[in-house]
Amino acid sequence: MEATAENRDRLRALVDEPVPAGGSQYDTRFTDEQLDVLLTGAHSVEGAAADGWMRKGGMLLNEMDGIESERQGQETYTYASLEKQLAYTREMADYYRQQDIAGRGVGVGRMLSVE
């Protein structure tokens, strides 16, 4: 798939990694270059999104380092469990993989009639 600005913007939306207002691509988990690699290695933006969600799951492992809560002074911050976060990234990857497959017609049978 071609890595265009339009495809990159759509992919950012599908992997839920928008550039924050006043920020840049470096304020997200994926740089434009990394998104371009995902796009050029896929058949569709949905296929790239599936790969992106799988990579995002790996990033969560490194970012969270198993921490589910932390305390700073009088404040305690509790995060969704890593297990739940990883399950969500897998669900999203599976969803976009199915969208990619459906869009390419892979695995779709056709009935023929001969008269």
C-alpha atoms as a PDB file:
ATOM      1  CA  MET A   1       0.000   0.000   0.000  1.00  0.00           C
ATOM      2  CA  GLU A   2       1.215   3.480  -0.771  1.00  0.00           C
ATOM      3  CA  ALA A   3       2.361   5.609   2.153  1.00  0.00           C
ATOM      4  CA  THR A   4       0.615   8.922   1.478  1.00  0.00           C
ATOM      5  CA  ALA A   5      -0.232  11.682   3.962  1.00  0.00           C
ATOM      6  CA  GLU A   6      -3.917  10.739   3.630  1.00  0.00           C
ATOM      7  CA  ASN A   7      -3.250   7.046   4.350  1.00  0.00           C
ATOM      8  CA  ARG A   8      -0.958   7.971   7.238  1.00  0.00           C
ATOM      9  CA  ASP A   9      -3.642  10.226   8.786  1.00  0.00           C
ATOM     10  CA  ARG A  10      -6.242   7.484   8.432  1.00  0.00           C
ATOM     11  CA  LEU A  11      -3.870   4.937   9.978  1.00  0.00           C
ATOM     12  CA  ARG A  12      -3.160   7.278  12.908  1.00  0.00           C
ATOM     13  CA  ALA A  13      -6.906   7.426  13.546  1.00  0.00           C
ATOM     14  CA  LEU A  14      -7.344   3.633  13.297  1.00  0.00           C
ATOM     15  CA  VAL A  15      -4.534   2.909  15.771  1.00  0.00           C
ATOM     16  CA  ASP A  16      -5.753   5.715  18.049  1.00  0.00           C
ATOM     17  CA  GLU A  17      -2.488   7.661  17.938  1.00  0.00           C
ATOM     18  CA  PRO A  18      -3.443  11.217  16.908  1.00  0.00           C
ATOM     19  CA  VAL A  19      -0.852  13.963  17.039  1.00  0.00           C
ATOM     20  CA  PRO A  20      -1.843  16.094  20.051  1.00  0.00           C
ATOM     21  CA  ALA A  21      -2.768  19.734  19.498  1.00  0.00           C
ATOM     22  CA  GLY A  22       0.422  21.754  19.514  1.00  0.00           C
ATOM     23  CA  GLY A  23       2.457  18.535  19.447  1.00  0.00           C
ATOM     24  CA  SER A  24       4.264  16.553  16.803  1.00  0.00           C
ATOM     25  CA  GLN A  25       4.555  13.000  15.546  1.00  0.00           C
ATOM     26  CA  TYR A  26       7.176  12.450  18.252  1.00  0.00           C
ATOM     27  CA  ASP A  27       4.494  12.873  20.920  1.00  0.00           C
ATOM     28  CA  THR A  28       2.831   9.636  19.777  1.00  0.00           C
ATOM     29  CA  ARG A  29       3.850   5.980  19.855  1.00  0.00           C
ATOM     30  CA  PHE A  30       4.385   5.968  16.069  1.00  0.00           C
ATOM     31  CA  THR A  31       6.463   8.382  14.009  1.00  0.00           C
ATOM     32  CA  ASP A  32       5.423   9.105  10.434  1.00  0.00           C
ATOM     33  CA  GLU A  33       8.308   6.923   9.261  1.00  0.00           C
ATOM     34  CA  GLN A  34       7.075   3.992  11.369  1.00  0.00           C
ATOM     35  CA  LEU A  35       3.546   4.431  10.006  1.00  0.00           C
ATOM     36  CA  ASP A  36       4.935   4.482   6.471  1.00  0.00           C
ATOM     37  CA  VAL A  37       6.677   1.148   7.128  1.00  0.00           C
ATOM     38  CA  LEU A  38       3.365  -0.324   8.322  1.00  0.00           C
ATOM     39  CA  LEU A  39       1.562   1.030   5.249  1.00  0.00           C
ATOM     40  CA  THR A  40       4.088  -0.174   2.678  1.00  0.00           C
ATOM     41  CA  GLY A  41       4.075  -3.645   4.227  1.00  0.00           C
ATOM     42  CA  ALA A  42       0.291  -4.001   4.073  1.00  0.00           C
ATOM     43  CA  HIS A  43      -2.390  -4.547   1.442  1.00  0.00           C
ATOM     44  CA  SER A  44      -4.691  -1.932   2.985  1.00  0.00           C
ATOM     45  CA  VAL A  45      -4.845   0.693   5.699  1.00  0.00           C
ATOM     46  CA  GLU A  46      -6.820  -1.834   7.759  1.00  0.00           C
ATOM     47  CA  GLY A  47      -4.028  -4.394   7.391  1.00  0.00           C
ATOM     48  CA  ALA A  48      -1.528  -1.763   8.523  1.00  0.00           C
ATOM     49  CA  ALA A  49      -3.803  -0.973  11.489  1.00  0.00           C
ATOM     50  CA  ALA A  50      -3.859  -4.648  12.483  1.00  0.00           C
ATOM     51  CA  ASP A  51      -0.055  -4.683  12.499  1.00  0.00           C
ATOM     52  CA  GLY A  52      -0.003  -1.360  14.346  1.00  0.00           C
ATOM     53  CA  TRP A  53      -2.256  -2.674  17.120  1.00  0.00           C
ATOM     54  CA  MET A  54      -0.014  -5.722  17.551  1.00  0.00           C
ATOM     55  CA  ARG A  55       3.046  -3.476  17.836  1.00  0.00           C
ATOM     56  CA  LYS A  56       1.171  -1.236  20.235  1.00  0.00           C
ATOM     57  CA  GLY A  57       0.616  -4.240  22.501  1.00  0.00           C
ATOM     58  CA  GLY A  58       4.354  -4.830  22.582  1.00  0.00           C
ATOM     59  CA  MET A  59       4.947  -1.183  23.402  1.00  0.00           C
ATOM     60  CA  LEU A  60       2.555  -1.423  26.358  1.00  0.00           C
ATOM     61  CA  LEU A  61       4.630  -4.233  27.830  1.00  0.00           C
ATOM     62  CA  ASN A  62       7.676  -1.977  27.799  1.00  0.00           C
ATOM     63  CA  GLU A  63       5.857   1.175  28.933  1.00  0.00           C
ATOM     64  CA  MET A  64       3.973  -0.334  31.859  1.00  0.00           C
ATOM     65  CA  ASP A  65       6.713  -2.715  33.030  1.00  0.00           C
ATOM     66  CA  GLY A  66       4.051  -4.633  34.974  1.00  0.00           C
ATOM     67  CA  ILE A  67       2.968  -1.600  37.014  1.00  0.00           C
ATOM     68  CA  GLU A  68      -0.779  -1.466  37.618  1.00  0.00           C
ATOM     69  CA  SER A  69      -0.798   1.272  40.264  1.00  0.00           C
ATOM     70  CA  GLU A  70       1.541   3.824  41.752  1.00  0.00           C
ATOM     71  CA  ARG A  71       1.477   6.254  44.616  1.00  0.00           C
ATOM     72  CA  GLN A  72       2.842   9.773  44.568  1.00  0.00           C
ATOM     73  CA  GLY A  73       2.498  11.493  47.910  1.00  0.00           C
ATOM     74  CA  GLN A  74      -1.162  11.360  48.926  1.00  0.00           C
ATOM     75  CA  GLU A  75      -2.326  10.412  45.425  1.00  0.00           C
ATOM     76  CA  THR A  76      -2.711   6.878  44.090  1.00  0.00           C
ATOM     77  CA  TYR A  77      -3.020   6.169  40.380  1.00  0.00           C
ATOM     78  CA  THR A  78      -4.545   2.877  39.279  1.00  0.00           C
ATOM     79  CA  TYR A  79      -4.278   1.734  35.676  1.00  0.00           C
ATOM     80  CA  ALA A  80      -6.177  -0.873  33.721  1.00  0.00           C
ATOM     81  CA  SER A  81      -4.412  -4.193  34.144  1.00  0.00           C
ATOM     82  CA  LEU A  82      -1.780  -5.008  31.570  1.00  0.00           C
ATOM     83  CA  GLU A  83      -3.740  -8.170  30.791  1.00  0.00           C
ATOM     84  CA  LYS A  84      -6.834  -6.114  29.887  1.00  0.00           C
ATOM     85  CA  GLN A  85      -4.804  -3.666  27.820  1.00  0.00           C
ATOM     86  CA  LEU A  86      -3.118  -6.461  25.875  1.00  0.00           C
ATOM     87  CA  ALA A  87      -6.452  -8.217  25.325  1.00  0.00           C
ATOM     88  CA  TYR A  88      -7.806  -4.965  23.901  1.00  0.00           C
ATOM     89  CA  THR A  89      -4.872  -4.527  21.515  1.00  0.00           C
ATOM     90  CA  ARG A  90      -5.358  -8.126  20.309  1.00  0.00           C
ATOM     91  CA  GLU A  91      -9.088  -7.540  19.780  1.00  0.00           C
ATOM     92  CA  MET A  92      -8.380  -4.408  17.754  1.00  0.00           C
ATOM     93  CA  ALA A  93      -5.705  -6.195  15.710  1.00  0.00           C
ATOM     94  CA  ASP A  94      -8.125  -9.074  15.023  1.00  0.00           C
ATOM     95  CA  TYR A  95     -10.892  -6.644  14.042  1.00  0.00           C
ATOM     96  CA  TYR A  96      -8.728  -4.767  11.538  1.00  0.00           C
ATOM     97  CA  ARG A  97      -7.237  -8.017  10.202  1.00  0.00           C
ATOM     98  CA  GLN A  98     -10.787  -9.207   9.432  1.00  0.00           C
ATOM     99  CA  GLN A  99     -11.552  -5.866   7.754  1.00  0.00           C
ATOM    100  CA  ASP A 100      -8.414  -6.254   5.646  1.00  0.00           C
ATOM    101  CA  ILE A 101      -9.327  -9.809   4.643  1.00  0.00           C
ATOM    102  CA  ALA A 102     -12.925  -8.875   3.831  1.00  0.00           C
ATOM    103  CA  GLY A 103     -11.768  -5.930   1.731  1.00  0.00           C
ATOM    104  CA  ARG A 104      -9.522  -8.159  -0.364  1.00  0.00           C
ATOM    105  CA  GLY A 105     -12.153 -10.853  -0.770  1.00  0.00           C
ATOM    106  CA  VAL A 106      -9.831 -13.458   0.741  1.00  0.00           C
ATOM    107  CA  GLY A 107     -11.686 -16.564   1.793  1.00  0.00           C
ATOM    108  CA  VAL A 108     -14.912 -15.473   0.169  1.00  0.00           C
ATOM    109  CA  GLY A 109     -16.528 -18.196  -1.905  1.00  0.00           C
ATOM    110  CA  ARG A 110     -18.538 -17.503  -5.013  1.00  0.00           C
ATOM    111  CA  MET A 111     -21.433 -19.551  -6.278  1.00  0.00           C
ATOM    112  CA  LEU A 112     -21.533 -20.205  -9.997  1.00  0.00           C
ATOM    113  CA  SER A 113     -24.542 -21.299 -11.917  1.00  0.00           C
ATOM    114  CA  VAL A 114     -24.341 -22.774 -15.353  1.00  0.00           C
ATOM    115  CA  GLU A 115     -27.422 -22.770 -17.531  1.00  0.00           C
END
